[in-house]
Amino acid sequence: GDIMRILVGGIAHESNTFNPTLTSIDSFQIMSEKELANEEPAKTLCSMGIDVAPTMHARALPSGTVDRDTYLSLKDQLLEQVEKTGRIDGACLILHGAMVVKDIGSAELDLLKSMREILDEEVIISASLDLHGNIPIEMADYANILTAYRKTPHTDALETCKKAATLLVESLKRRVRPRPVIVRPPILVAGEYVVTDAEPAAGLYGMLSSVDSTPGIMDSSLLVGMAWADVSHAGASAITIAETREDLKKAREKAYEIARAYWEKRMELRLEAEADQPREVVRQAKASPRRPFFISDSGDNVTAGAAGDIPMMVEELVLSQVQDAVVGCIIDSEAVEACREAGVGASLSLKIGGRLDRVNGHPLEVRGRVSNLAGNGVVFRVDNVDIILTAKRTAFTSPQDFMAYGIDPVRRKIVVVKLGLLMADLKKIAAQSMIALTPGFTNLSTETLGYRNLKRPMFPLDRDFDWRYDATHE
């Protein structure tokens, strides 16, 4: 028959609804059709001899809820290209799963619904998701295949994109019309509690491959959800993909099995690194003979959409007279501007941070010296603490990010990062690490956040209830 034709595109964002700064269009990077054609999943599809129709892919760093007009304009651009594409057999979408739009809610649900309105019922829609997606069960009505990462930190993002593509092609070749089954156990924990190579998560994620090999089931996923989203559909989900309508019952049983296993392990979920109050963590870091000693400023984690400008850890380091520390970073365009005007070598008093997150932070007045200017920001040295100040939203996830500012983290005593988990490249160089239980829009003590829209009961906010799946309550 005809050559198979598959469309590729998507919109991806992890939205932190506690961060009051709306995410606008200038935060999104829009990939051109050409860029999209050279990346996964297009590369895999091309290698299979498939005619790929690249549309558009937009993504932004995790941040606050997405502004409505921003989303609608991105969606319009994407749908316009989908309509121009003409006849297709399938669509392979790269989504996140935790994108929230002001006044609309789940962007993924809205986008899938809108795509389904344009595309024929026969067109198979496959989407890759982040393990931290909050998945409304209605998504099963519009997509055929939903498959999520299985690793935290996410080292399998490309693999998951490829899988979404291969499952799609397989369905088309075998002429089956898969359907997802979504079962949602009422658990919503911060992602840091589910590190996939440590127990109990390792065992739970290990279950998935045996579910995948069940006849009639194409794939399975376990999503932990995005805890810093106060939406009615926030929470974990187990997803199985039934190959045909006849396999739905079995797929539902297997999805419940995964969900129930997660429910039964909920009390064993632990943070991977030792965690304590900020002052205590600094005390231990100071006393430790090992270097570099990494501290995660977990409440202000930029990679989960926090503001990234709470100066609390800077304050703790300066107060405890640490002899050698670096903080990556404080997002503060005004402070960067003041340092650039003063120039390298200049001494000045500065107010840093506390502008983006006024709920949990306040500006900190410090006196120091501008020791370096770099692309996106400056290094401001206060006593023996190097504070990297950046003008743009950024996350320090690798040694290279520090090197760009002339700082070698390996040679430093204490390194503070605004992350929850240390990414692989930092984990490799950390001699020791601890999590500081700091305030912010990604506070690990989620019970302090004051959810209003979440479906209750929900563990760990509620603890005295049991859960059994009942399909009639969907």
Protein backbone atom coordinates (compact mmCIF):
# COMPACT_ATOMS: atom_id res chain seq x y z
CA GLY A 1 0.00 0.00 0.00
CA ASP A 2 0.94 3.64 0.39
CA ILE A 3 3.99 4.66 2.37
CA MET A 4 3.05 5.22 5.99
CA ARG A 5 2.82 8.89 6.91
CA ILE A 6 3.29 10.05 10.52
CA LEU A 7 3.08 13.50 11.99
CA VAL A 8 5.46 14.64 14.75
CA GLY A 9 5.03 17.60 17.12
CA GLY A 10 3.89 18.74 20.53
CA ILE A 11 3.90 21.26 23.35
CA ALA A 12 5.65 20.42 26.62
CA HIS A 13 5.83 22.17 29.97
CA GLU A 14 5.85 21.22 33.64
CA SER A 15 3.68 23.77 35.43
CA ASN A 16 4.04 24.65 39.11
CA THR A 17 0.71 26.23 40.05
CA PHE A 18 2.04 27.56 43.37
CA ASN A 19 4.40 29.88 41.47
CA PRO A 20 2.22 32.97 40.81
CA THR A 21 4.31 34.18 37.84
CA LEU A 22 2.46 33.08 34.70
CA THR A 23 4.61 31.53 31.98
CA SER A 24 4.44 33.65 28.84
CA ILE A 25 5.34 33.08 25.20
CA ASP A 26 8.91 34.36 25.56
CA SER A 27 9.72 31.42 27.85
CA PHE A 28 9.00 28.91 25.07
CA GLN A 29 11.56 27.66 22.61
CA ILE A 30 9.89 26.74 19.38
CA MET A 31 11.64 24.09 17.31
CA SER A 32 11.47 24.51 13.58
CA GLU A 33 10.24 21.71 11.32
CA LYS A 34 13.85 21.17 10.26
CA GLU A 35 15.11 20.80 13.85
CA LEU A 36 12.21 18.51 14.65
CA ALA A 37 13.00 16.32 11.64
CA ASN A 38 16.55 15.76 12.95
CA GLU A 39 15.53 14.73 16.45
CA GLU A 40 13.71 11.83 18.07
CA PRO A 41 11.23 10.46 17.31
CA ALA A 42 11.55 11.63 13.67
CA LYS A 43 14.98 10.01 13.29
CA THR A 44 13.68 6.59 14.34
CA LEU A 45 10.63 6.90 12.08
CA CYS A 46 12.77 7.91 9.09
CA SER A 47 15.07 4.97 9.66
CA MET A 48 12.01 2.73 9.43
CA GLY A 49 11.23 4.11 5.99
CA ILE A 50 8.29 6.19 7.12
CA ASP A 51 7.27 9.49 5.62
CA VAL A 52 7.59 11.93 8.53
CA ALA A 53 5.57 15.15 8.63
CA PRO A 54 7.26 17.40 11.21
CA THR A 55 4.99 20.16 12.53
CA MET A 56 6.04 22.19 15.57
CA HIS A 57 7.38 21.50 19.00
CA ALA A 58 7.35 24.12 21.76
CA ARG A 59 8.94 23.65 25.17
CA ALA A 60 9.82 25.75 28.18
CA LEU A 61 11.69 25.20 31.42
CA PRO A 62 9.46 24.27 34.38
CA SER A 63 7.80 27.42 35.77
CA GLY A 64 4.39 28.81 36.77
CA THR A 65 0.99 28.11 35.20
CA VAL A 66 0.95 28.89 31.47
CA ASP A 67 -0.80 32.07 30.39
CA ARG A 68 -3.99 31.29 28.44
CA ASP A 69 -3.21 33.38 25.35
CA THR A 70 0.29 31.90 25.19
CA TYR A 71 -1.06 28.36 25.11
CA LEU A 72 -3.81 29.18 22.63
CA SER A 73 -1.36 30.79 20.22
CA LEU A 74 1.01 27.80 20.43
CA LYS A 75 -1.91 25.41 19.98
CA ASP A 76 -3.19 27.37 16.97
CA GLN A 77 0.25 27.25 15.34
CA LEU A 78 0.45 23.51 15.88
CA LEU A 79 -3.08 22.75 14.70
CA GLU A 80 -2.64 24.94 11.63
CA GLN A 81 0.36 22.81 10.65
CA VAL A 82 -1.55 19.62 11.41
CA GLU A 83 -4.33 20.72 9.04
CA LYS A 84 -1.80 21.64 6.33
CA THR A 85 -0.21 18.18 6.59
CA GLY A 86 -3.11 16.46 4.88
CA ARG A 87 -3.52 12.68 4.97
CA ILE A 88 -1.68 10.92 7.81
CA ASP A 89 -1.83 7.46 9.37
CA GLY A 90 -0.61 8.44 12.80
CA ALA A 91 0.56 11.27 15.04
CA CYS A 92 3.50 10.96 17.42
CA LEU A 93 3.40 13.70 20.07
CA ILE A 94 6.04 14.75 22.57
CA LEU A 95 4.14 15.99 25.61
CA HIS A 96 4.90 16.35 29.31
CA GLY A 97 1.69 15.57 31.18
CA ALA A 98 1.83 18.31 33.82
CA MET A 99 1.19 21.39 31.70
CA VAL A 100 -1.50 23.57 33.26
CA VAL A 101 -3.08 26.53 31.49
CA LYS A 102 -4.87 29.32 33.31
CA ASP A 103 -8.66 28.92 32.95
CA ILE A 104 -8.23 25.79 30.80
CA GLY A 105 -6.55 23.24 33.06
CA SER A 106 -4.76 20.24 31.55
CA ALA A 107 -3.10 21.36 28.31
CA GLU A 108 -2.51 17.78 27.22
CA LEU A 109 -6.18 16.87 27.50
CA ASP A 110 -7.22 20.03 25.65
CA LEU A 111 -4.63 19.48 22.91
CA LEU A 112 -5.51 15.81 22.37
CA LYS A 113 -9.22 16.70 22.22
CA SER A 114 -8.55 19.43 19.63
CA MET A 115 -6.33 17.14 17.56
CA ARG A 116 -8.96 14.43 17.58
CA GLU A 117 -11.48 16.93 16.20
CA ILE A 118 -9.22 17.53 13.18
CA LEU A 119 -7.97 13.99 12.61
CA ASP A 120 -9.96 11.00 11.40
CA GLU A 121 -11.00 8.45 13.96
CA GLU A 122 -8.64 5.91 12.24
CA VAL A 123 -5.54 8.04 12.84
CA ILE A 124 -3.57 6.57 15.71
CA ILE A 125 -2.30 9.10 18.24
CA SER A 126 0.71 8.15 20.34
CA ALA A 127 2.30 10.42 22.97
CA SER A 128 5.37 10.26 25.17
CA LEU A 129 5.02 11.66 28.68
CA ASP A 130 7.20 12.62 31.62
CA LEU A 131 6.96 10.38 34.68
CA HIS A 132 5.83 13.51 36.58
CA GLY A 133 2.71 14.00 34.48
CA ASN A 134 -0.71 14.48 36.11
CA ILE A 135 -2.98 12.53 33.78
CA PRO A 136 -6.74 13.13 33.60
CA ILE A 137 -8.46 9.80 32.88
CA GLU A 138 -10.32 11.45 29.95
CA MET A 139 -7.00 11.44 28.03
CA ALA A 140 -7.71 7.77 27.33
CA ASP A 141 -10.66 8.84 25.15
CA TYR A 142 -8.51 10.80 22.72
CA ALA A 143 -5.10 9.09 22.53
CA ASN A 144 -4.35 5.48 21.60
CA ILE A 145 -0.92 5.16 23.13
CA LEU A 146 0.45 7.00 26.19
CA THR A 147 3.91 6.00 27.38
CA ALA A 148 6.00 7.62 30.13
CA TYR A 149 9.62 7.73 31.26
CA ARG A 150 10.63 5.03 33.71
CA LYS A 151 13.66 6.71 35.22
CA THR A 152 14.24 9.55 37.69
CA PRO A 153 16.45 11.46 37.03
CA HIS A 154 15.12 11.23 33.44
CA THR A 155 17.87 9.51 31.50
CA ASP A 156 15.38 7.73 29.23
CA ALA A 157 13.62 10.67 27.58
CA LEU A 158 14.85 9.87 24.06
CA GLU A 159 14.19 6.18 24.57
CA THR A 160 10.57 7.00 25.52
CA CYS A 161 10.13 9.16 22.40
CA LYS A 162 11.42 6.28 20.29
CA LYS A 163 9.09 3.86 22.07
CA ALA A 164 6.05 6.07 21.41
CA ALA A 165 7.04 5.97 17.73
CA THR A 166 7.75 2.24 17.50
CA LEU A 167 4.50 1.28 19.27
CA LEU A 168 2.63 3.53 16.86
CA VAL A 169 4.22 1.93 13.79
CA GLU A 170 3.66 -1.55 15.20
CA SER A 171 -0.07 -0.79 15.66
CA LEU A 172 -0.41 0.49 12.12
CA LYS A 173 1.44 -2.47 10.63
CA ARG A 174 -0.63 -4.98 12.59
CA ARG A 175 -3.80 -2.97 11.97
CA VAL A 176 -4.74 -2.85 15.64
CA ARG A 177 -6.32 0.13 17.33
CA PRO A 178 -4.86 0.28 20.84
CA ARG A 179 -6.59 1.93 23.80
CA PRO A 180 -5.11 3.15 27.05
CA VAL A 181 -6.47 2.27 30.47
CA ILE A 182 -5.70 4.72 33.27
CA VAL A 183 -6.02 3.79 36.94
CA ARG A 184 -5.22 6.50 39.47
CA PRO A 185 -4.15 5.51 42.97
CA PRO A 186 -4.67 8.47 45.38
CA ILE A 187 -0.98 9.18 46.01
CA LEU A 188 0.76 12.47 45.33
CA VAL A 189 4.32 12.70 46.60
CA ALA A 190 7.15 14.98 45.57
CA GLY A 191 9.20 13.35 42.81
CA GLU A 192 12.25 13.22 45.12
CA TYR A 193 10.54 10.42 47.05
CA VAL A 194 10.55 8.17 44.00
CA VAL A 195 14.10 7.61 42.75
CA THR A 196 13.78 4.76 40.31
CA ASP A 197 17.07 2.97 40.96
CA ALA A 198 16.40 2.77 44.72
CA GLU A 199 13.78 0.67 46.53
CA PRO A 200 10.83 0.62 46.68
CA ALA A 201 10.62 2.33 43.27
CA ALA A 202 13.12 0.00 41.59
CA GLY A 203 10.86 -2.98 42.27
CA LEU A 204 7.72 -1.14 41.17
CA TYR A 205 9.29 -0.04 37.89
CA GLY A 206 10.71 -3.54 37.46
CA MET A 207 7.11 -4.85 37.36
CA LEU A 208 6.41 -2.92 34.19
CA SER A 209 8.45 -5.10 31.85
CA SER A 210 6.53 -8.21 32.93
CA VAL A 211 3.25 -6.35 32.33
CA ASP A 212 4.55 -5.36 28.87
CA SER A 213 5.07 -9.03 27.98
CA THR A 214 1.46 -9.95 28.83
CA PRO A 215 -0.36 -11.03 25.65
CA GLY A 216 -2.76 -8.30 24.52
CA ILE A 217 -0.92 -5.56 26.43
CA MET A 218 1.40 -3.38 24.43
CA ASP A 219 2.98 -1.20 27.09
CA SER A 220 2.66 0.04 30.66
CA SER A 221 3.66 3.10 32.67
CA LEU A 222 3.65 4.31 36.25
CA LEU A 223 3.47 8.07 36.67
CA VAL A 224 4.24 9.61 40.03
CA GLY A 225 2.57 12.90 39.13
CA MET A 226 3.63 16.49 39.75
CA ALA A 227 3.08 17.37 43.41
CA TRP A 228 3.36 21.15 43.09
CA ALA A 229 0.21 21.44 41.02
CA ASP A 230 -3.02 22.25 42.81
CA VAL A 231 -5.35 20.78 40.19
CA SER A 232 -8.15 18.23 40.54
CA HIS A 233 -6.32 15.72 38.32
CA ALA A 234 -2.98 15.82 40.19
CA GLY A 235 -1.80 12.43 41.39
CA ALA A 236 -0.19 9.18 40.37
CA SER A 237 -1.45 7.02 37.53
CA ALA A 238 -0.86 3.54 36.20
CA ILE A 239 -1.38 3.21 32.45
CA THR A 240 -1.62 0.07 30.35
CA ILE A 241 -2.21 -0.06 26.61
CA ALA A 242 -4.73 -2.65 25.42
CA GLU A 243 -4.01 -3.84 21.87
CA THR A 244 -7.70 -4.26 21.04
CA ARG A 245 -11.08 -3.71 22.61
CA GLU A 246 -11.07 -7.39 23.68
CA ASP A 247 -7.93 -6.80 25.77
CA LEU A 248 -9.42 -3.94 27.81
CA LYS A 249 -10.51 -6.07 30.75
CA LYS A 250 -7.05 -7.60 31.12
CA ALA A 251 -5.40 -4.19 30.68
CA ARG A 252 -7.62 -2.81 33.44
CA GLU A 253 -6.63 -5.66 35.78
CA LYS A 254 -2.94 -5.09 35.08
CA ALA A 255 -3.18 -1.31 35.52
CA TYR A 256 -4.87 -1.90 38.87
CA GLU A 257 -2.11 -4.36 39.81
CA ILE A 258 0.55 -1.70 39.19
CA ALA A 259 -1.46 0.99 40.99
CA ARG A 260 -2.16 -1.28 43.95
CA ALA A 261 1.52 -2.26 44.24
CA TYR A 262 2.41 1.45 44.41
CA TRP A 263 -0.32 2.00 47.01
CA GLU A 264 1.03 -0.85 49.15
CA LYS A 265 4.57 0.58 49.07
CA ARG A 266 3.52 4.17 49.83
CA MET A 267 4.80 4.12 53.43
CA GLU A 268 8.26 3.03 52.27
CA LEU A 269 8.85 6.03 49.98
CA ARG A 270 11.97 7.87 51.18
CA LEU A 271 14.23 10.70 50.10
CA GLU A 272 17.40 9.36 48.53
CA ALA A 273 19.79 11.70 50.34
CA GLU A 274 19.81 12.68 53.98
CA ALA A 275 17.59 15.72 54.59
CA ASP A 276 17.50 18.29 57.38
CA GLN A 277 16.79 21.91 58.23
CA PRO A 278 18.97 24.46 56.34
CA ARG A 279 21.08 25.51 59.35
CA GLU A 280 21.80 21.90 60.33
CA VAL A 281 22.75 20.99 56.75
CA VAL A 282 25.22 23.90 56.59
CA ARG A 283 26.67 22.84 59.95
CA GLN A 284 27.24 19.31 58.67
CA ALA A 285 28.68 20.51 55.38
CA LYS A 286 31.12 22.74 57.23
CA ALA A 287 32.21 19.94 59.55
CA SER A 288 32.58 17.33 56.82
CA PRO A 289 36.14 16.53 55.68
CA ARG A 290 34.79 15.67 52.21
CA ARG A 291 34.60 18.06 49.29
CA PRO A 292 32.70 19.04 47.27
CA PHE A 293 29.74 18.81 49.63
CA PHE A 294 26.54 19.42 47.63
CA ILE A 295 23.45 20.95 49.23
CA SER A 296 20.07 20.85 47.46
CA ASP A 297 17.98 23.94 48.16
CA SER A 298 14.93 21.73 47.62
CA GLY A 299 12.10 24.18 48.31
CA ASP A 300 13.28 26.53 45.56
CA ASN A 301 13.94 23.89 42.89
CA VAL A 302 14.01 25.57 39.48
CA THR A 303 13.72 22.25 37.64
CA ALA A 304 10.27 21.78 39.20
CA GLY A 305 9.07 25.31 38.54
CA ALA A 306 10.02 27.18 41.72
CA ALA A 307 11.05 30.85 41.50
CA GLY A 308 14.78 30.27 41.99
CA ASP A 309 15.41 33.50 43.87
CA ILE A 310 15.05 32.71 47.59
CA PRO A 311 18.33 33.83 49.21
CA MET A 312 17.91 31.80 52.41
CA MET A 313 20.85 29.45 51.76
CA VAL A 314 23.14 32.41 50.98
CA GLU A 315 22.14 33.91 54.30
CA GLU A 316 22.88 30.65 56.16
CA LEU A 317 26.31 30.28 54.51
CA VAL A 318 27.33 33.87 55.27
CA LEU A 319 26.05 33.72 58.86
CA SER A 320 27.92 30.51 59.58
CA GLN A 321 31.13 32.03 58.16
CA VAL A 322 31.76 29.23 55.70
CA GLN A 323 35.29 29.48 54.27
CA ASP A 324 34.58 28.34 50.72
CA ALA A 325 31.16 28.02 49.08
CA VAL A 326 29.39 28.60 45.79
CA VAL A 327 25.67 29.08 45.15
CA GLY A 328 24.24 28.25 41.72
CA CYS A 329 22.20 30.34 41.38
CA ILE A 330 19.93 33.25 42.33
CA ILE A 331 17.76 34.53 39.49
CA ASP A 332 17.78 38.32 39.78
CA SER A 333 18.02 40.49 36.66
CA GLU A 334 18.15 43.76 38.67
CA ALA A 335 21.12 42.59 40.73
CA VAL A 336 22.88 41.38 37.56
CA GLU A 337 22.32 44.79 35.97
CA ALA A 338 23.76 46.59 39.01
CA CYS A 339 26.87 44.37 38.94
CA ARG A 340 27.39 44.85 35.21
CA GLU A 341 27.20 48.61 35.63
CA ALA A 342 29.71 48.52 38.49
CA GLY A 343 32.09 46.25 36.55
CA VAL A 344 34.49 43.47 37.58
CA GLY A 345 36.42 44.27 40.77
CA ALA A 346 33.86 46.76 42.03
CA SER A 347 32.62 46.50 45.63
CA LEU A 348 28.99 47.31 46.32
CA SER A 349 25.97 46.67 48.52
CA LEU A 350 23.23 44.70 46.81
CA LYS A 351 19.77 43.44 47.56
CA ILE A 352 19.53 39.95 46.10
CA GLY A 353 16.50 37.74 45.47
CA GLY A 354 13.10 37.74 47.11
CA ARG A 355 11.41 39.46 44.19
CA LEU A 356 9.97 36.48 42.29
CA ASP A 357 8.92 34.49 45.34
CA ARG A 358 7.63 37.00 47.88
CA VAL A 359 5.65 34.34 49.71
CA ASN A 360 8.64 32.37 51.00
CA GLY A 361 11.57 34.74 50.50
CA HIS A 362 12.61 38.33 50.98
CA PRO A 363 15.49 40.32 49.47
CA LEU A 364 18.81 39.84 51.27
CA GLU A 365 21.13 42.79 51.66
CA VAL A 366 24.78 41.83 51.16
CA ARG A 367 28.03 43.66 50.60
CA GLY A 368 30.50 42.07 48.22
CA ARG A 369 32.62 42.29 45.10
CA VAL A 370 31.86 41.57 41.45
CA SER A 371 34.38 38.87 40.60
CA ASN A 372 33.28 37.79 37.13
CA LEU A 373 30.85 38.61 34.35
CA ALA A 374 29.54 35.78 32.19
CA GLY A 375 27.00 35.34 29.40
CA ASN A 376 23.84 35.18 31.41
CA GLY A 377 24.99 36.73 34.67
CA VAL A 378 27.70 37.54 37.17
CA VAL A 379 29.62 36.11 40.10
CA PHE A 380 29.23 38.20 43.25
CA ARG A 381 31.56 37.32 46.11
CA VAL A 382 30.36 37.93 49.66
CA ASP A 383 33.00 37.05 52.28
CA ASN A 384 34.00 33.56 51.09
CA VAL A 385 30.78 32.75 49.31
CA ASP A 386 30.54 33.01 45.51
CA ILE A 387 26.96 33.75 44.47
CA ILE A 388 26.15 33.22 40.82
CA LEU A 389 23.45 35.73 39.86
CA THR A 390 21.62 35.15 36.58
CA ALA A 391 19.36 37.44 34.59
CA LYS A 392 17.41 34.60 32.97
CA ARG A 393 15.67 31.57 34.37
CA THR A 394 18.27 28.82 34.51
CA ALA A 395 19.12 25.59 36.33
CA PHE A 396 22.60 24.44 37.32
CA THR A 397 22.56 20.73 36.56
CA SER A 398 26.13 19.97 35.45
CA PRO A 399 29.74 21.04 36.20
CA GLN A 400 29.74 22.87 32.81
CA ASP A 401 27.05 25.23 34.09
CA PHE A 402 29.47 26.35 36.82
CA MET A 403 32.51 26.37 34.51
CA ALA A 404 30.75 28.95 32.32
CA TYR A 405 31.23 31.34 35.26
CA GLY A 406 34.87 30.39 35.82
CA ILE A 407 33.99 28.19 38.82
CA ASP A 408 35.16 24.59 39.11
CA PRO A 409 32.73 22.90 41.52
CA VAL A 410 35.06 19.93 42.07
CA ARG A 411 37.57 22.19 43.79
CA ARG A 412 35.09 23.87 46.09
CA LYS A 413 34.10 22.92 49.62
CA ILE A 414 30.33 23.55 49.57
CA VAL A 415 28.15 23.82 46.48
CA VAL A 416 24.49 24.85 46.77
CA VAL A 417 22.14 24.08 43.89
CA LYS A 418 18.46 24.94 43.47
CA LEU A 419 17.49 21.35 42.68
CA GLY A 420 15.62 18.55 44.40
CA LEU A 421 17.77 15.70 43.13
CA LEU A 422 21.34 15.96 41.92
CA MET A 423 21.42 15.21 38.20
CA ALA A 424 23.82 12.44 37.11
CA ASP A 425 26.71 14.79 36.20
CA LEU A 426 26.65 16.47 39.61
CA LYS A 427 26.10 13.20 41.46
CA LYS A 428 29.31 11.89 39.89
CA ILE A 429 31.44 14.68 41.34
CA ALA A 430 29.72 15.08 44.73
CA ALA A 431 31.82 13.60 47.56
CA GLN A 432 28.80 14.00 49.83
CA SER A 433 25.34 15.51 49.49
CA MET A 434 22.37 16.53 51.59
CA ILE A 435 18.93 17.98 51.01
CA ALA A 436 18.06 21.21 52.80
CA LEU A 437 14.34 21.30 53.66
CA THR A 438 13.87 24.90 52.58
CA PRO A 439 10.68 26.86 51.94
CA GLY A 440 9.53 27.69 48.41
CA PHE A 441 7.09 26.69 45.67
CA THR A 442 8.61 23.18 45.62
CA ASN A 443 8.53 22.64 49.39
CA LEU A 444 9.12 18.93 50.03
CA SER A 445 6.71 19.15 52.99
CA THR A 446 3.73 19.30 50.64
CA GLU A 447 1.26 19.40 53.55
CA THR A 448 2.35 23.01 54.18
CA LEU A 449 1.24 24.15 50.71
CA GLY A 450 -2.51 24.41 51.26
CA TYR A 451 -4.07 22.63 48.28
CA ARG A 452 -7.59 23.71 47.39
CA ASN A 453 -8.44 21.84 44.17
CA LEU A 454 -6.87 18.44 44.76
CA LYS A 455 -9.17 15.41 44.91
CA ARG A 456 -9.23 14.10 48.49
CA PRO A 457 -8.45 11.83 50.24
CA MET A 458 -4.89 11.87 48.90
CA PHE A 459 -1.82 10.30 50.49
CA PRO A 460 0.31 11.68 52.23
CA LEU A 461 -1.96 14.67 53.00
CA ASP A 462 -4.50 12.14 54.24
CA ARG A 463 -3.30 8.95 55.90
CA ASP A 464 -6.21 7.14 57.52
CA PHE A 465 -7.89 5.61 54.50
CA ASP A 466 -7.57 2.54 52.32
CA TRP A 467 -8.02 2.43 48.57
CA ARG A 468 -9.44 -0.24 46.30
CA TYR A 469 -10.03 0.44 42.64
CA ASP A 470 -13.64 0.57 41.58
CA ALA A 471 -14.24 1.15 37.86
CA THR A 472 -17.75 2.42 38.55
CA HIS A 473 -16.33 5.48 40.30
CA GLU A 474 -14.40 6.70 37.27
